[in-house]
C-alpha atoms as a PDB file:
ATOM      1  CA  MET A   1       0.000   0.000   0.000  1.00  0.00           C
ATOM      2  CA  ALA A   2       2.855   2.402   0.813  1.00  0.00           C
ATOM      3  CA  TRP A   3       4.226   1.997  -2.710  1.00  0.00           C
ATOM      4  CA  LEU A   4       0.879   2.861  -4.279  1.00  0.00           C
ATOM      5  CA  VAL A   5       0.654   5.955  -2.077  1.00  0.00           C
ATOM      6  CA  LEU A   6       4.202   6.881  -3.107  1.00  0.00           C
ATOM      7  CA  VAL A   7       3.414   6.531  -6.818  1.00  0.00           C
ATOM      8  CA  VAL A   8       0.323   8.744  -6.448  1.00  0.00           C
ATOM      9  CA  ALA A   9       2.373  11.254  -4.440  1.00  0.00           C
ATOM     10  CA  GLY A  10       5.005  11.278  -7.200  1.00  0.00           C
ATOM     11  CA  PHE A  11       2.317  11.883  -9.798  1.00  0.00           C
ATOM     12  CA  MET A  12       0.960  14.756  -7.700  1.00  0.00           C
ATOM     13  CA  GLU A  13       4.470  16.201  -7.557  1.00  0.00           C
ATOM     14  CA  SER A  14       4.360  16.578 -11.328  1.00  0.00           C
ATOM     15  CA  VAL A  15       0.885  18.136 -11.061  1.00  0.00           C
ATOM     16  CA  TRP A  16       2.094  20.810  -8.645  1.00  0.00           C
ATOM     17  CA  ALA A  17       5.213  21.492 -10.728  1.00  0.00           C
ATOM     18  CA  ILE A  18       3.168  21.977 -13.889  1.00  0.00           C
ATOM     19  CA  ALA A  19       0.572  24.098 -12.047  1.00  0.00           C
ATOM     20  CA  LEU A  20       3.344  26.215 -10.550  1.00  0.00           C
ATOM     21  CA  SER A  21       4.752  26.900 -14.003  1.00  0.00           C
ATOM     22  CA  LYS A  22       1.278  27.939 -15.190  1.00  0.00           C
ATOM     23  CA  SER A  23       0.598  30.164 -12.161  1.00  0.00           C
ATOM     24  CA  ASN A  24       2.655  33.119 -13.416  1.00  0.00           C
ATOM     25  CA  GLY A  25       4.478  33.510 -10.119  1.00  0.00           C
ATOM     26  CA  LEU A  26       1.368  32.540  -8.098  1.00  0.00           C
ATOM     27  CA  ARG A  27      -0.584  35.369  -9.745  1.00  0.00           C
ATOM     28  CA  ARG A  28      -3.161  33.198 -11.549  1.00  0.00           C
ATOM     29  CA  LEU A  29      -5.866  31.835  -9.239  1.00  0.00           C
ATOM     30  CA  TRP A  30      -6.664  28.342 -10.526  1.00  0.00           C
ATOM     31  CA  PRO A  31      -3.133  27.183 -11.256  1.00  0.00           C
ATOM     32  CA  THR A  32      -2.175  28.477  -7.795  1.00  0.00           C
ATOM     33  CA  VAL A  33      -5.052  26.572  -6.152  1.00  0.00           C
ATOM     34  CA  ILE A  34      -4.072  23.404  -8.018  1.00  0.00           C
ATOM     35  CA  PHE A  35      -0.445  23.952  -6.972  1.00  0.00           C
ATOM     36  CA  VAL A  36      -1.368  24.272  -3.279  1.00  0.00           C
ATOM     37  CA  VAL A  37      -3.724  21.270  -3.234  1.00  0.00           C
ATOM     38  CA  ALA A  38      -1.357  19.050  -5.230  1.00  0.00           C
ATOM     39  CA  SER A  39       1.559  20.080  -2.978  1.00  0.00           C
ATOM     40  CA  VAL A  40      -0.309  19.087   0.165  1.00  0.00           C
ATOM     41  CA  VAL A  41      -1.427  15.765  -1.326  1.00  0.00           C
ATOM     42  CA  SER A  42       2.052  15.058  -2.713  1.00  0.00           C
ATOM     43  CA  LEU A  43       3.948  15.834   0.483  1.00  0.00           C
ATOM     44  CA  GLY A  44       1.315  14.117   2.609  1.00  0.00           C
ATOM     45  CA  GLY A  45       1.582  10.989   0.489  1.00  0.00           C
ATOM     46  CA  LEU A  46       5.358  11.079   0.723  1.00  0.00           C
ATOM     47  CA  ALA A  47       5.100  11.348   4.510  1.00  0.00           C
ATOM     48  CA  VAL A  48       2.712   8.396   4.693  1.00  0.00           C
ATOM     49  CA  ALA A  49       4.921   6.282   2.426  1.00  0.00           C
ATOM     50  CA  MET A  50       8.007   7.101   4.500  1.00  0.00           C
ATOM     51  CA  ALA A  51       6.411   5.354   7.461  1.00  0.00           C
ATOM     52  CA  SER A  52       7.289   2.032   5.822  1.00  0.00           C
ATOM     53  CA  ILE A  53       9.719   2.838   2.992  1.00  0.00           C
ATOM     54  CA  PRO A  54      13.226   4.078   3.854  1.00  0.00           C
ATOM     55  CA  THR A  55      13.629   7.842   3.470  1.00  0.00           C
ATOM     56  CA  GLY A  56      16.290   7.767   0.756  1.00  0.00           C
ATOM     57  CA  THR A  57      14.396   5.258  -1.363  1.00  0.00           C
ATOM     58  CA  ALA A  58      11.036   6.990  -0.910  1.00  0.00           C
ATOM     59  CA  TYR A  59      12.438  10.423  -1.719  1.00  0.00           C
ATOM     60  CA  ALA A  60      14.371   9.210  -4.776  1.00  0.00           C
ATOM     61  CA  VAL A  61      11.331   7.382  -6.163  1.00  0.00           C
ATOM     62  CA  TRP A  62       9.027  10.358  -5.421  1.00  0.00           C
ATOM     63  CA  THR A  63      11.275  12.858  -7.185  1.00  0.00           C
ATOM     64  CA  GLY A  64      12.005  10.431 -10.007  1.00  0.00           C
ATOM     65  CA  ILE A  65       8.330   9.834 -10.747  1.00  0.00           C
ATOM     66  CA  GLY A  66       7.632  13.560 -10.576  1.00  0.00           C
ATOM     67  CA  ALA A  67      10.534  14.368 -12.881  1.00  0.00           C
ATOM     68  CA  ILE A  68       9.645  11.662 -15.414  1.00  0.00           C
ATOM     69  CA  ILE A  69       6.010  12.718 -15.693  1.00  0.00           C
ATOM     70  CA  THR A  70       6.858  16.436 -15.795  1.00  0.00           C
ATOM     71  CA  VAL A  71       9.362  15.992 -18.619  1.00  0.00           C
ATOM     72  CA  ILE A  72       7.002  13.737 -20.577  1.00  0.00           C
ATOM     73  CA  TRP A  73       4.246  16.346 -20.174  1.00  0.00           C
ATOM     74  CA  ALA A  74       6.590  19.081 -21.430  1.00  0.00           C
ATOM     75  CA  LEU A  75       7.542  16.945 -24.431  1.00  0.00           C
ATOM     76  CA  VAL A  76       3.917  16.112 -25.288  1.00  0.00           C
ATOM     77  CA  MET A  77       2.882  19.773 -24.911  1.00  0.00           C
ATOM     78  CA  ARG A  78       5.882  20.742 -27.057  1.00  0.00           C
ATOM     79  CA  GLN A  79       7.294  22.992 -24.342  1.00  0.00           C
ATOM     80  CA  GLU A  80      10.583  21.108 -24.695  1.00  0.00           C
ATOM     81  CA  LYS A  81      12.219  19.516 -27.692  1.00  0.00           C
ATOM     82  CA  ALA A  82      12.693  15.770 -27.695  1.00  0.00           C
ATOM     83  CA  SER A  83      16.127  14.374 -28.391  1.00  0.00           C
ATOM     84  CA  THR A  84      17.585  10.911 -28.417  1.00  0.00           C
ATOM     85  CA  ALA A  85      19.685  11.747 -25.369  1.00  0.00           C
ATOM     86  CA  LYS A  86      16.682  13.074 -23.431  1.00  0.00           C
ATOM     87  CA  ILE A  87      14.603   9.972 -24.234  1.00  0.00           C
ATOM     88  CA  LEU A  88      17.456   7.640 -23.254  1.00  0.00           C
ATOM     89  CA  LEU A  89      17.982   9.526 -19.994  1.00  0.00           C
ATOM     90  CA  LEU A  90      14.259   9.284 -19.195  1.00  0.00           C
ATOM     91  CA  ILE A  91      14.369   5.548 -19.861  1.00  0.00           C
ATOM     92  CA  GLY A  92      17.362   5.330 -17.537  1.00  0.00           C
ATOM     93  CA  LEU A  93      15.494   7.257 -14.856  1.00  0.00           C
ATOM     94  CA  VAL A  94      12.508   4.924 -15.172  1.00  0.00           C
ATOM     95  CA  GLY A  95      14.907   1.993 -14.811  1.00  0.00           C
ATOM     96  CA  CYS A  96      16.404   3.518 -11.672  1.00  0.00           C
ATOM     97  CA  VAL A  97      12.973   4.077 -10.088  1.00  0.00           C
ATOM     98  CA  ILE A  98      11.978   0.479 -10.876  1.00  0.00           C
ATOM     99  CA  GLY A  99      15.321  -0.727  -9.578  1.00  0.00           C
ATOM    100  CA  LEU A 100      14.797   1.030  -6.247  1.00  0.00           C
ATOM    101  CA  LYS A 101      11.401  -0.640  -5.911  1.00  0.00           C
ATOM    102  CA  VAL A 102      12.829  -4.076  -6.759  1.00  0.00           C
ATOM    103  CA  MET A 103      15.715  -3.644  -4.300  1.00  0.00           C
ATOM    104  CA  HIS A 104      13.345  -2.669  -1.504  1.00  0.00           C
END
């Protein structure tokens, strides 16, 4: 159960990061509201997961999931350009997140 909570928390990390970028320095209401709510859910989920997953592993997986989803979103929305190196690095990051889960 802790791993499911951690995955959801990692997803919510990407939600707050994307909302923060859309908030125009916290000047736009709805992106700011989404940022605040997603931040609370994300950090709360991380805290819950850390009750049974070691801190280093939980934090690395949480940030990895958030980073992977955020970069994929930016690529899909064409806010960033895709490159072979970027795709290979994302695949490597996915492998590292999976590896941390398997090693736990």
